[in-house]
PDB file of N, CA and C in Angstrom:
ATOM      1  N   MET A   1      52.871 213.265  26.485  1.00  0.00           N
ATOM      2  CA  MET A   1      52.352 214.085  27.572  1.00  0.00           C
ATOM      3  C   MET A   1      53.369 215.183  27.874  1.00  0.00           C
ATOM      4  N   SER A   2      52.892 216.355  28.193  1.00  0.00           N
ATOM      5  CA  SER A   2      53.748 217.504  28.457  1.00  0.00           C
ATOM      6  C   SER A   2      53.789 217.789  29.956  1.00  0.00           C
ATOM      7  N   TYR A   3      54.989 217.846  30.501  1.00  0.00           N
ATOM      8  CA  TYR A   3      55.190 218.066  31.930  1.00  0.00           C
ATOM      9  C   TYR A   3      55.824 219.431  32.154  1.00  0.00           C
ATOM     10  N   ILE A   4      55.487 220.070  33.278  1.00  0.00           N
ATOM     11  CA  ILE A   4      56.023 221.390  33.599  1.00  0.00           C
ATOM     12  C   ILE A   4      56.357 221.469  35.088  1.00  0.00           C
ATOM     13  N   ILE A   5      57.168 222.460  35.407  1.00  0.00           N
ATOM     14  CA  ILE A   5      57.376 222.888  36.795  1.00  0.00           C
ATOM     15  C   ILE A   5      56.923 224.336  36.853  1.00  0.00           C
ATOM     16  N   ILE A   6      56.031 224.627  37.767  1.00  0.00           N
ATOM     17  CA  ILE A   6      55.546 225.992  37.968  1.00  0.00           C
ATOM     18  C   ILE A   6      56.270 226.551  39.188  1.00  0.00           C
ATOM     19  N   PHE A   7      56.806 227.753  39.029  1.00  0.00           N
ATOM     20  CA  PHE A   7      57.495 228.417  40.124  1.00  0.00           C
ATOM     21  C   PHE A   7      56.668 229.595  40.618  1.00  0.00           C
ATOM     22  N   THR A   8      56.565 229.699  41.924  1.00  0.00           N
ATOM     23  CA  THR A   8      55.967 230.862  42.560  1.00  0.00           C
ATOM     24  C   THR A   8      56.725 231.114  43.858  1.00  0.00           C
ATOM     25  N   THR A   9      56.546 232.284  44.425  1.00  0.00           N
ATOM     26  CA  THR A   9      57.175 232.604  45.706  1.00  0.00           C
ATOM     27  C   THR A   9      56.108 233.113  46.666  1.00  0.00           C
ATOM     28  N   THR A  10      56.368 232.917  47.950  1.00  0.00           N
ATOM     29  CA  THR A  10      55.490 233.439  48.999  1.00  0.00           C
ATOM     30  C   THR A  10      56.350 234.137  50.046  1.00  0.00           C
ATOM     31  N   SER A  11      55.690 234.845  50.923  1.00  0.00           N
ATOM     32  CA  SER A  11      56.427 235.596  51.946  1.00  0.00           C
ATOM     33  C   SER A  11      56.824 234.740  53.146  1.00  0.00           C
ATOM     34  N   ASP A  12      56.175 233.574  53.320  1.00  0.00           N
ATOM     35  CA  ASP A  12      56.486 232.755  54.498  1.00  0.00           C
ATOM     36  C   ASP A  12      56.144 231.286  54.261  1.00  0.00           C
ATOM     37  N   LYS A  13      56.657 230.436  55.142  1.00  0.00           N
ATOM     38  CA  LYS A  13      56.484 228.986  55.014  1.00  0.00           C
ATOM     39  C   LYS A  13      55.025 228.575  55.152  1.00  0.00           C
ATOM     40  N   ASP A  14      54.278 229.217  56.032  1.00  0.00           N
ATOM     41  CA  ASP A  14      52.872 228.852  56.209  1.00  0.00           C
ATOM     42  C   ASP A  14      52.071 229.070  54.929  1.00  0.00           C
ATOM     43  N   SER A  15      52.301 230.181  54.248  1.00  0.00           N
ATOM     44  CA  SER A  15      51.618 230.451  52.977  1.00  0.00           C
ATOM     45  C   SER A  15      52.010 229.423  51.924  1.00  0.00           C
ATOM     46  N   ALA A  16      53.294 229.095  51.875  1.00  0.00           N
ATOM     47  CA  ALA A  16      53.773 228.088  50.923  1.00  0.00           C
ATOM     48  C   ALA A  16      53.124 226.740  51.205  1.00  0.00           C
ATOM     49  N   GLN A  17      53.047 226.364  52.469  1.00  0.00           N
ATOM     50  CA  GLN A  17      52.466 225.071  52.830  1.00  0.00           C
ATOM     51  C   GLN A  17      50.980 225.021  52.498  1.00  0.00           C
ATOM     52  N   LYS A  18      50.280 226.124  52.698  1.00  0.00           N
ATOM     53  CA  LYS A  18      48.850 226.187  52.380  1.00  0.00           C
ATOM     54  C   LYS A  18      48.620 225.952  50.886  1.00  0.00           C
ATOM     55  N   ILE A  19      49.415 226.608  50.051  1.00  0.00           N
ATOM     56  CA  ILE A  19      49.302 226.421  48.602  1.00  0.00           C
ATOM     57  C   ILE A  19      49.660 224.984  48.225  1.00  0.00           C
ATOM     58  N   ALA A  20      50.757 224.477  48.768  1.00  0.00           N
ATOM     59  CA  ALA A  20      51.191 223.106  48.464  1.00  0.00           C
ATOM     60  C   ALA A  20      50.129 222.091  48.857  1.00  0.00           C
ATOM     61  N   ASP A  21      49.580 222.228  50.059  1.00  0.00           N
ATOM     62  CA  ASP A  21      48.567 221.281  50.532  1.00  0.00           C
ATOM     63  C   ASP A  21      47.338 221.271  49.629  1.00  0.00           C
ATOM     64  N   GLU A  22      46.921 222.428  49.185  1.00  0.00           N
ATOM     65  CA  GLU A  22      45.730 222.517  48.335  1.00  0.00           C
ATOM     66  C   GLU A  22      45.996 221.932  46.950  1.00  0.00           C
ATOM     67  N   LEU A  23      47.166 222.182  46.401  1.00  0.00           N
ATOM     68  CA  LEU A  23      47.518 221.614  45.097  1.00  0.00           C
ATOM     69  C   LEU A  23      47.533 220.089  45.141  1.00  0.00           C
ATOM     70  N   ILE A  24      48.088 219.540  46.203  1.00  0.00           N
ATOM     71  CA  ILE A  24      48.139 218.081  46.346  1.00  0.00           C
ATOM     72  C   ILE A  24      46.734 217.525  46.583  1.00  0.00           C
ATOM     73  N   ALA A  25      45.968 218.174  47.453  1.00  0.00           N
ATOM     74  CA  ALA A  25      44.609 217.708  47.767  1.00  0.00           C
ATOM     75  C   ALA A  25      43.714 217.679  46.530  1.00  0.00           C
ATOM     76  N   GLN A  26      43.901 218.635  45.623  1.00  0.00           N
ATOM     77  CA  GLN A  26      43.076 218.717  44.419  1.00  0.00           C
ATOM     78  C   GLN A  26      43.669 217.939  43.235  1.00  0.00           C
ATOM     79  N   ASN A  27      44.711 217.153  43.488  1.00  0.00           N
ATOM     80  CA  ASN A  27      45.390 216.367  42.443  1.00  0.00           C
ATOM     81  C   ASN A  27      45.857 217.222  41.270  1.00  0.00           C
ATOM     82  N   LEU A  28      46.295 218.441  41.565  1.00  0.00           N
ATOM     83  CA  LEU A  28      46.819 219.325  40.526  1.00  0.00           C
ATOM     84  C   LEU A  28      48.334 219.240  40.407  1.00  0.00           C
ATOM     85  N   ALA A  29      48.988 218.727  41.442  1.00  0.00           N
ATOM     86  CA  ALA A  29      50.446 218.596  41.449  1.00  0.00           C
ATOM     87  C   ALA A  29      50.835 217.255  42.052  1.00  0.00           C
ATOM     88  N   SER A  30      51.927 216.700  41.542  1.00  0.00           N
ATOM     89  CA  SER A  30      52.472 215.460  42.094  1.00  0.00           C
ATOM     90  C   SER A  30      53.343 215.741  43.302  1.00  0.00           C
ATOM     91  N   CYS A  31      54.049 216.862  43.239  1.00  0.00           N
ATOM     92  CA  CYS A  31      54.997 217.233  44.287  1.00  0.00           C
ATOM     93  C   CYS A  31      55.154 218.747  44.288  1.00  0.00           C
ATOM     94  N   VAL A  32      55.233 219.311  45.475  1.00  0.00           N
ATOM     95  CA  VAL A  32      55.544 220.731  45.614  1.00  0.00           C
ATOM     96  C   VAL A  32      56.718 220.820  46.583  1.00  0.00           C
ATOM     97  N   SER A  33      57.846 221.251  46.069  1.00  0.00           N
ATOM     98  CA  SER A  33      59.006 221.435  46.939  1.00  0.00           C
ATOM     99  C   SER A  33      59.199 222.925  47.160  1.00  0.00           C
ATOM    100  N   PHE A  34      59.697 223.279  48.353  1.00  0.00           N
ATOM    101  CA  PHE A  34      59.959 224.687  48.574  1.00  0.00           C
ATOM    102  C   PHE A  34      61.162 224.882  49.469  1.00  0.00           C
ATOM    103  N   ALA A  35      61.787 226.052  49.266  1.00  0.00           N
ATOM    104  CA  ALA A  35      63.017 226.384  49.987  1.00  0.00           C
ATOM    105  C   ALA A  35      63.101 227.888  50.174  1.00  0.00           C
ATOM    106  N   GLY A  36      63.826 228.292  51.184  1.00  0.00           N
ATOM    107  CA  GLY A  36      64.040 229.708  51.437  1.00  0.00           C
ATOM    108  C   GLY A  36      64.999 230.311  50.424  1.00  0.00           C
ATOM    109  N   ILE A  37      64.679 231.512  49.964  1.00  0.00           N
ATOM    110  CA  ILE A  37      65.534 232.242  49.024  1.00  0.00           C
ATOM    111  C   ILE A  37      65.580 233.707  49.458  1.00  0.00           C
ATOM    112  N   PHE A  38      66.464 234.458  48.859  1.00  0.00           N
ATOM    113  CA  PHE A  38      66.519 235.899  49.072  1.00  0.00           C
ATOM    114  C   PHE A  38      66.332 236.560  47.716  1.00  0.00           C
ATOM    115  N   SER A  39      65.343 237.447  47.601  1.00  0.00           N
ATOM    116  CA  SER A  39      65.017 238.086  46.326  1.00  0.00           C
ATOM    117  C   SER A  39      65.284 239.579  46.372  1.00  0.00           C
ATOM    118  N   THR A  40      65.830 240.104  45.279  1.00  0.00           N
ATOM    119  CA  THR A  40      65.973 241.542  45.063  1.00  0.00           C
ATOM    120  C   THR A  40      65.193 241.855  43.798  1.00  0.00           C
ATOM    121  N   TYR A  41      64.264 242.804  43.891  1.00  0.00           N
ATOM    122  CA  TYR A  41      63.389 243.098  42.758  1.00  0.00           C
ATOM    123  C   TYR A  41      62.887 244.530  42.837  1.00  0.00           C
ATOM    124  N   LYS A  42      62.351 245.012  41.711  1.00  0.00           N
ATOM    125  CA  LYS A  42      61.725 246.330  41.686  1.00  0.00           C
ATOM    126  C   LYS A  42      60.224 246.175  41.839  1.00  0.00           C
ATOM    127  N   TRP A  43      59.647 246.992  42.686  1.00  0.00           N
ATOM    128  CA  TRP A  43      58.197 246.998  42.870  1.00  0.00           C
ATOM    129  C   TRP A  43      57.750 248.431  43.104  1.00  0.00           C
ATOM    130  N   GLN A  44      56.891 248.920  42.240  1.00  0.00           N
ATOM    131  CA  GLN A  44      56.344 250.268  42.322  1.00  0.00           C
ATOM    132  C   GLN A  44      57.449 251.323  42.454  1.00  0.00           C
ATOM    133  N   GLY A  45      58.485 251.147  41.613  1.00  0.00           N
ATOM    134  CA  GLY A  45      59.555 252.127  41.532  1.00  0.00           C
ATOM    135  C   GLY A  45      60.644 252.020  42.585  1.00  0.00           C
ATOM    136  N   ARG A  46      60.528 251.067  43.496  1.00  0.00           N
ATOM    137  CA  ARG A  46      61.549 250.897  44.542  1.00  0.00           C
ATOM    138  C   ARG A  46      62.257 249.558  44.389  1.00  0.00           C
ATOM    139  N   VAL A  47      63.490 249.515  44.866  1.00  0.00           N
ATOM    140  CA  VAL A  47      64.216 248.259  44.936  1.00  0.00           C
ATOM    141  C   VAL A  47      63.882 247.618  46.275  1.00  0.00           C
ATOM    142  N   CYS A  48      63.421 246.381  46.217  1.00  0.00           N
ATOM    143  CA  CYS A  48      63.039 245.645  47.430  1.00  0.00           C
ATOM    144  C   CYS A  48      63.969 244.460  47.610  1.00  0.00           C
ATOM    145  N   ARG A  49      64.227 244.128  48.848  1.00  0.00           N
ATOM    146  CA  ARG A  49      65.042 242.960  49.211  1.00  0.00           C
ATOM    147  C   ARG A  49      64.274 242.192  50.271  1.00  0.00           C
ATOM    148  N   GLU A  50      63.934 240.955  49.950  1.00  0.00           N
ATOM    149  CA  GLU A  50      63.075 240.178  50.840  1.00  0.00           C
ATOM    150  C   GLU A  50      63.521 238.721  50.915  1.00  0.00           C
ATOM    151  N   GLU A  51      63.330 238.128  52.074  1.00  0.00           N
ATOM    152  CA  GLU A  51      63.421 236.678  52.198  1.00  0.00           C
ATOM    153  C   GLU A  51      62.072 236.123  51.772  1.00  0.00           C
ATOM    154  N   GLU A  52      62.108 235.093  50.940  1.00  0.00           N
ATOM    155  CA  GLU A  52      60.882 234.485  50.444  1.00  0.00           C
ATOM    156  C   GLU A  52      61.020 232.968  50.456  1.00  0.00           C
ATOM    157  N   ILE A  53      59.904 232.312  50.195  1.00  0.00           N
ATOM    158  CA  ILE A  53      59.885 230.873  50.001  1.00  0.00           C
ATOM    159  C   ILE A  53      59.539 230.637  48.537  1.00  0.00           C
ATOM    160  N   GLU A  54      60.381 229.869  47.832  1.00  0.00           N
ATOM    161  CA  GLU A  54      60.107 229.548  46.435  1.00  0.00           C
ATOM    162  C   GLU A  54      59.542 228.144  46.345  1.00  0.00           C
ATOM    163  N   LEU A  55      58.432 228.010  45.612  1.00  0.00           N
ATOM    164  CA  LEU A  55      57.794 226.719  45.400  1.00  0.00           C
ATOM    165  C   LEU A  55      58.088 226.228  43.999  1.00  0.00           C
ATOM    166  N   GLY A  56      58.393 224.949  43.868  1.00  0.00           N
ATOM    167  CA  GLY A  56      58.539 224.268  42.580  1.00  0.00           C
ATOM    168  C   GLY A  56      57.441 223.219  42.488  1.00  0.00           C
ATOM    169  N   ILE A  57      56.484 223.448  41.610  1.00  0.00           N
ATOM    170  CA  ILE A  57      55.279 222.625  41.514  1.00  0.00           C
ATOM    171  C   ILE A  57      55.408 221.717  40.296  1.00  0.00           C
ATOM    172  N   LYS A  58      55.515 220.403  40.520  1.00  0.00           N
ATOM    173  CA  LYS A  58      55.668 219.450  39.425  1.00  0.00           C
ATOM    174  C   LYS A  58      54.287 218.951  39.010  1.00  0.00           C
ATOM    175  N   THR A  59      53.992 219.071  37.695  1.00  0.00           N
ATOM    176  CA  THR A  59      52.653 218.755  37.217  1.00  0.00           C
ATOM    177  C   THR A  59      52.666 218.544  35.714  1.00  0.00           C
ATOM    178  N   LYS A  60      51.480 218.414  35.142  1.00  0.00           N
ATOM    179  CA  LYS A  60      51.303 218.343  33.692  1.00  0.00           C
ATOM    180  C   LYS A  60      50.858 219.715  33.181  1.00  0.00           C
ATOM    181  N   ALA A  61      51.220 220.013  31.950  1.00  0.00           N
ATOM    182  CA  ALA A  61      50.898 221.319  31.366  1.00  0.00           C
ATOM    183  C   ALA A  61      49.398 221.588  31.363  1.00  0.00           C
ATOM    184  N   LYS A  62      48.589 220.565  31.204  1.00  0.00           N
ATOM    185  CA  LYS A  62      47.136 220.756  31.151  1.00  0.00           C
ATOM    186  C   LYS A  62      46.567 221.325  32.451  1.00  0.00           C
ATOM    187  N   ASN A  63      47.324 221.252  33.550  1.00  0.00           N
ATOM    188  CA  ASN A  63      46.858 221.755  34.847  1.00  0.00           C
ATOM    189  C   ASN A  63      47.220 223.219  35.103  1.00  0.00           C
ATOM    190  N   TYR A  64      47.973 223.838  34.185  1.00  0.00           N
ATOM    191  CA  TYR A  64      48.495 225.186  34.431  1.00  0.00           C
ATOM    192  C   TYR A  64      47.403 226.193  34.792  1.00  0.00           C
ATOM    193  N   LYS A  65      46.343 226.269  34.017  1.00  0.00           N
ATOM    194  CA  LYS A  65      45.309 227.289  34.261  1.00  0.00           C
ATOM    195  C   LYS A  65      44.643 227.111  35.621  1.00  0.00           C
ATOM    196  N   LYS A  66      44.365 225.881  35.997  1.00  0.00           N
ATOM    197  CA  LYS A  66      43.746 225.625  37.302  1.00  0.00           C
ATOM    198  C   LYS A  66      44.698 225.982  38.442  1.00  0.00           C
ATOM    199  N   ILE A  67      45.976 225.663  38.248  1.00  0.00           N
ATOM    200  CA  ILE A  67      46.973 225.973  39.278  1.00  0.00           C
ATOM    201  C   ILE A  67      47.143 227.483  39.407  1.00  0.00           C
ATOM    202  N   LYS A  68      47.207 228.176  38.278  1.00  0.00           N
ATOM    203  CA  LYS A  68      47.327 229.638  38.313  1.00  0.00           C
ATOM    204  C   LYS A  68      46.155 230.248  39.073  1.00  0.00           C
ATOM    205  N   LYS A  69      44.959 229.789  38.796  1.00  0.00           N
ATOM    206  CA  LYS A  69      43.766 230.298  39.475  1.00  0.00           C
ATOM    207  C   LYS A  69      43.823 230.013  40.976  1.00  0.00           C
ATOM    208  N   LEU A  70      44.241 228.814  41.346  1.00  0.00           N
ATOM    209  CA  LEU A  70      44.341 228.460  42.758  1.00  0.00           C
ATOM    210  C   LEU A  70      45.385 229.313  43.472  1.00  0.00           C
ATOM    211  N   ILE A  71      46.557 229.475  42.854  1.00  0.00           N
ATOM    212  CA  ILE A  71      47.606 230.297  43.465  1.00  0.00           C
ATOM    213  C   ILE A  71      47.099 231.719  43.692  1.00  0.00           C
ATOM    214  N   LYS A  72      46.481 232.302  42.675  1.00  0.00           N
ATOM    215  CA  LYS A  72      45.969 233.671  42.808  1.00  0.00           C
ATOM    216  C   LYS A  72      44.923 233.777  43.912  1.00  0.00           C
ATOM    217  N   SER A  73      44.104 232.749  44.088  1.00  0.00           N
ATOM    218  CA  SER A  73      43.054 232.797  45.111  1.00  0.00           C
ATOM    219  C   SER A  73      43.606 232.700  46.527  1.00  0.00           C
ATOM    220  N   LEU A  74      44.763 232.063  46.693  1.00  0.00           N
ATOM    221  CA  LEU A  74      45.342 231.859  48.027  1.00  0.00           C
ATOM    222  C   LEU A  74      46.499 232.804  48.340  1.00  0.00           C
ATOM    223  N   HIS A  75      46.996 233.499  47.345  1.00  0.00           N
ATOM    224  CA  HIS A  75      48.240 234.263  47.484  1.00  0.00           C
ATOM    225  C   HIS A  75      48.004 235.643  48.087  1.00  0.00           C
ATOM    226  N   ALA A  76      48.932 236.063  48.929  1.00  0.00           N
ATOM    227  CA  ALA A  76      48.844 237.378  49.560  1.00  0.00           C
ATOM    228  C   ALA A  76      49.408 238.499  48.674  1.00  0.00           C
ATOM    229  N   TYR A  77      50.289 238.148  47.726  1.00  0.00           N
ATOM    230  CA  TYR A  77      50.893 239.166  46.867  1.00  0.00           C
ATOM    231  C   TYR A  77      49.872 239.702  45.864  1.00  0.00           C
ATOM    232  N   GLU A  78      49.978 240.989  45.575  1.00  0.00           N
ATOM    233  CA  GLU A  78      49.129 241.613  44.556  1.00  0.00           C
ATOM    234  C   GLU A  78      49.404 241.032  43.173  1.00  0.00           C
ATOM    235  N   THR A  79      50.694 240.799  42.883  1.00  0.00           N
ATOM    236  CA  THR A  79      51.109 240.240  41.599  1.00  0.00           C
ATOM    237  C   THR A  79      52.091 239.097  41.854  1.00  0.00           C
ATOM    238  N   PRO A  80      51.564 237.909  42.147  1.00  0.00           N
ATOM    239  CA  PRO A  80      52.484 236.798  42.435  1.00  0.00           C
ATOM    240  C   PRO A  80      53.200 236.314  41.185  1.00  0.00           C
ATOM    241  N   GLN A  81      54.415 235.858  41.385  1.00  0.00           N
ATOM    242  CA  GLN A  81      55.147 235.194  40.300  1.00  0.00           C
ATOM    243  C   GLN A  81      54.472 233.853  40.053  1.00  0.00           C
ATOM    244  N   ILE A  82      54.091 233.605  38.806  1.00  0.00           N
ATOM    245  CA  ILE A  82      53.578 232.296  38.398  1.00  0.00           C
ATOM    246  C   ILE A  82      54.200 232.021  37.035  1.00  0.00           C
ATOM    247  N   ILE A  83      55.246 231.199  37.026  1.00  0.00           N
ATOM    248  CA  ILE A  83      56.021 230.936  35.822  1.00  0.00           C
ATOM    249  C   ILE A  83      56.083 229.426  35.606  1.00  0.00           C
ATOM    250  N   ALA A  84      55.764 228.983  34.398  1.00  0.00           N
ATOM    251  CA  ALA A  84      55.852 227.563  34.064  1.00  0.00           C
ATOM    252  C   ALA A  84      57.040 227.318  33.147  1.00  0.00           C
ATOM    253  N   VAL A  85      57.776 226.267  33.449  1.00  0.00           N
ATOM    254  CA  VAL A  85      58.920 225.859  32.648  1.00  0.00           C
ATOM    255  C   VAL A  85      58.672 224.424  32.187  1.00  0.00           C
ATOM    256  N   LYS A  86      58.785 224.201  30.884  1.00  0.00           N
ATOM    257  CA  LYS A  86      58.572 222.867  30.339  1.00  0.00           C
ATOM    258  C   LYS A  86      59.720 221.945  30.747  1.00  0.00           C
ATOM    259  N   ILE A  87      59.369 220.739  31.120  1.00  0.00           N
ATOM    260  CA  ILE A  87      60.380 219.719  31.410  1.00  0.00           C
ATOM    261  C   ILE A  87      60.741 219.080  30.071  1.00  0.00           C
ATOM    262  N   ALA A  88      61.897 219.407  29.539  1.00  0.00           N
ATOM    263  CA  ALA A  88      62.313 218.916  28.228  1.00  0.00           C
ATOM    264  C   ALA A  88      62.631 217.424  28.274  1.00  0.00           C
ATOM    265  N   GLN A  89      63.210 216.991  29.371  1.00  0.00           N
ATOM    266  CA  GLN A  89      63.555 215.588  29.552  1.00  0.00           C
ATOM    267  C   GLN A  89      63.430 215.249  31.017  1.00  0.00           C
ATOM    268  N   GLY A  90      63.129 213.995  31.287  1.00  0.00           N
ATOM    269  CA  GLY A  90      63.044 213.528  32.667  1.00  0.00           C
ATOM    270  C   GLY A  90      63.155 212.023  32.690  1.00  0.00           C
ATOM    271  N   SER A  91      63.528 211.483  33.825  1.00  0.00           N
ATOM    272  CA  SER A  91      63.629 210.027  33.900  1.00  0.00           C
ATOM    273  C   SER A  91      62.243 209.419  33.722  1.00  0.00           C
ATOM    274  N   ARG A  92      62.193 208.343  32.984  1.00  0.00           N
ATOM    275  CA  ARG A  92      60.930 207.682  32.669  1.00  0.00           C
ATOM    276  C   ARG A  92      60.163 207.336  33.942  1.00  0.00           C
ATOM    277  N   GLY A  93      60.865 206.834  34.948  1.00  0.00           N
ATOM    278  CA  GLY A  93      60.208 206.458  36.202  1.00  0.00           C
ATOM    279  C   GLY A  93      59.569 207.646  36.901  1.00  0.00           C
ATOM    280  N   TYR A  94      60.265 208.779  36.906  1.00  0.00           N
ATOM    281  CA  TYR A  94      59.721 209.967  37.566  1.00  0.00           C
ATOM    282  C   TYR A  94      58.501 210.491  36.821  1.00  0.00           C
ATOM    283  N   LEU A  95      58.557 210.538  35.505  1.00  0.00           N
ATOM    284  CA  LEU A  95      57.425 211.020  34.721  1.00  0.00           C
ATOM    285  C   LEU A  95      56.218 210.089  34.853  1.00  0.00           C
ATOM    286  N   LYS A  96      56.465 208.783  34.913  1.00  0.00           N
ATOM    287  CA  LYS A  96      55.374 207.833  35.155  1.00  0.00           C
ATOM    288  C   LYS A  96      54.762 208.059  36.530  1.00  0.00           C
ATOM    289  N   TRP A  97      55.611 208.377  37.508  1.00  0.00           N
ATOM    290  CA  TRP A  97      55.113 208.664  38.851  1.00  0.00           C
ATOM    291  C   TRP A  97      54.208 209.896  38.833  1.00  0.00           C
ATOM    292  N   ILE A  98      54.584 210.935  38.090  1.00  0.00           N
ATOM    293  CA  ILE A  98      53.718 212.117  37.951  1.00  0.00           C
ATOM    294  C   ILE A  98      52.358 211.682  37.382  1.00  0.00           C
ATOM    295  N   ASP A  99      52.398 210.890  36.309  1.00  0.00           N
ATOM    296  CA  ASP A  99      51.144 210.407  35.710  1.00  0.00           C
ATOM    297  C   ASP A  99      50.280 209.682  36.748  1.00  0.00           C
ATOM    298  N   LYS A 100      50.903 208.787  37.477  1.00  0.00           N
ATOM    299  CA  LYS A 100      50.170 207.962  38.447  1.00  0.00           C
ATOM    300  C   LYS A 100      49.550 208.817  39.558  1.00  0.00           C
ATOM    301  N   THR A 101      50.318 209.759  40.085  1.00  0.00           N
ATOM    302  CA  THR A 101      49.817 210.554  41.208  1.00  0.00           C
ATOM    303  C   THR A 101      48.729 211.534  40.795  1.00  0.00           C
ATOM    304  N   LEU A 102      48.724 211.961  39.540  1.00  0.00           N
ATOM    305  CA  LEU A 102      47.725 212.930  39.100  1.00  0.00           C
ATOM    306  C   LEU A 102      46.419 212.286  38.648  1.00  0.00           C
ATOM    307  N   LYS A 103      46.377 210.980  38.595  1.00  0.00           N
ATOM    308  CA  LYS A 103      45.136 210.292  38.230  1.00  0.00           C
ATOM    309  C   LYS A 103      44.081 210.439  39.320  1.00  0.00           C
ATOM    310  N   GLY A 104      44.532 210.572  40.567  1.00  0.00           N
ATOM    311  CA  GLY A 104      43.670 210.829  41.700  1.00  0.00           C
ATOM    312  C   GLY A 104      42.564 209.853  41.860  1.00  0.00           C
TER     313      GLY A 104
END
Protein backbone atom coordinates (compact mmCIF):
# COMPACT_ATOMS: atom_id res chain seq x y z
CA MET A 1 0.00 0.00 0.00
CA SER A 2 1.26 3.48 -0.83
CA TYR A 3 0.97 6.23 1.79
CA ILE A 4 1.36 9.98 1.28
CA ILE A 5 1.24 13.29 3.12
CA ILE A 6 -0.49 16.07 1.22
CA PHE A 7 0.53 19.62 2.08
CA THR A 8 -1.62 22.68 1.55
CA THR A 9 -1.81 26.11 3.14
CA THR A 10 -4.71 28.37 4.08
CA SER A 11 -4.98 31.97 5.16
CA ASP A 12 -6.51 31.22 8.59
CA LYS A 13 -7.25 28.54 11.18
CA ASP A 14 -10.99 28.44 10.44
CA SER A 15 -10.35 27.58 6.77
CA ALA A 16 -7.82 24.93 7.79
CA GLN A 17 -10.26 23.41 10.27
CA LYS A 18 -13.06 23.33 7.69
CA ILE A 19 -10.87 21.41 5.24
CA ALA A 20 -9.59 19.07 7.97
CA ASP A 21 -13.10 18.33 9.26
CA GLU A 22 -14.38 17.48 5.79
CA LEU A 23 -11.42 15.23 4.98
CA ILE A 24 -11.94 13.28 8.20
CA ALA A 25 -15.74 13.14 7.79
CA GLN A 26 -15.37 11.69 4.28
CA ASN A 27 -12.74 9.13 5.40
CA LEU A 28 -10.20 10.62 3.00
CA ALA A 29 -7.56 11.28 5.67
CA SER A 30 -6.51 9.56 8.88
CA CYS A 31 -5.10 12.72 10.41
CA VAL A 32 -4.77 16.36 9.45
CA SER A 33 -2.28 18.35 11.46
CA PHE A 34 -1.78 22.06 11.03
CA ALA A 35 0.46 24.81 12.32
CA GLY A 36 1.12 28.47 11.76
CA ILE A 37 3.89 29.36 9.30
CA PHE A 38 5.22 32.46 7.59
CA SER A 39 5.48 32.31 3.79
CA THR A 40 7.37 34.49 1.31
CA TYR A 41 6.40 33.88 -2.31
CA LYS A 42 5.88 35.49 -5.70
CA TRP A 43 2.33 36.03 -6.89
CA GLN A 44 1.41 37.95 -10.04
CA GLY A 45 4.83 39.57 -10.24
CA ARG A 46 5.00 40.73 -6.61
CA VAL A 47 6.79 39.38 -3.58
CA CYS A 48 4.25 38.55 -0.89
CA ARG A 49 4.80 37.84 2.80
CA GLU A 50 1.95 36.22 4.67
CA GLU A 51 1.15 34.31 7.82
CA GLU A 52 -0.54 31.07 6.82
CA ILE A 53 -1.68 27.76 8.24
CA GLU A 54 0.00 24.68 6.76
CA LEU A 55 -1.91 21.40 6.73
CA GLY A 56 -0.27 17.97 6.66
CA ILE A 57 -2.83 15.42 5.47
CA LYS A 58 -1.94 11.77 6.16
CA THR A 59 -3.63 9.36 3.75
CA LYS A 60 -3.21 6.73 1.05
CA ALA A 61 -2.08 7.65 -2.46
CA LYS A 62 -5.34 6.36 -3.95
CA ASN A 63 -7.18 9.24 -2.21
CA TYR A 64 -5.10 12.03 -3.81
CA LYS A 65 -7.52 12.98 -6.60
CA LYS A 66 -10.53 13.14 -4.29
CA ILE A 67 -8.59 15.18 -1.74
CA LYS A 68 -7.34 17.58 -4.41
CA LYS A 69 -10.91 18.10 -5.63
CA LEU A 70 -12.19 18.67 -2.09
CA ILE A 71 -9.42 21.16 -1.25
CA LYS A 72 -10.10 23.13 -4.44
CA SER A 73 -13.84 23.22 -3.69
CA LEU A 74 -13.33 24.61 -0.17
CA HIS A 75 -10.22 26.75 -0.67
CA ALA A 76 -10.25 30.54 -0.88
CA TYR A 77 -6.96 30.77 -2.82
CA GLU A 78 -7.09 31.02 -6.61
CA THR A 79 -4.16 28.60 -6.87
CA PRO A 80 -3.81 26.63 -3.64
CA GLN A 81 -0.70 24.63 -2.91
CA ILE A 82 -1.57 20.93 -3.14
CA ILE A 83 1.59 18.82 -2.95
CA ALA A 84 1.82 15.10 -2.18
CA VAL A 85 4.93 13.52 -0.73
CA LYS A 86 5.31 9.74 -0.63
CA ILE A 87 5.97 8.22 2.78
CA ALA A 88 9.04 6.11 2.01
CA GLN A 89 9.06 4.48 5.43
CA GLY A 90 6.88 4.57 8.51
CA SER A 91 6.35 2.63 11.68
CA ARG A 92 4.25 -0.45 11.06
CA GLY A 93 1.80 0.50 13.81
CA TYR A 94 1.21 3.97 12.41
CA LEU A 95 0.67 2.71 8.86
CA LYS A 96 -1.75 0.05 10.13
CA TRP A 97 -3.59 2.81 11.98
CA ILE A 98 -3.93 4.75 8.69
CA ASP A 99 -5.36 1.60 7.07
CA LYS A 100 -7.82 1.07 9.91
CA THR A 101 -9.07 4.66 10.04
CA LEU A 102 -9.59 4.91 6.28
CA LYS A 103 -11.80 1.83 6.12
CA GLY A 104 -14.63 3.99 7.45
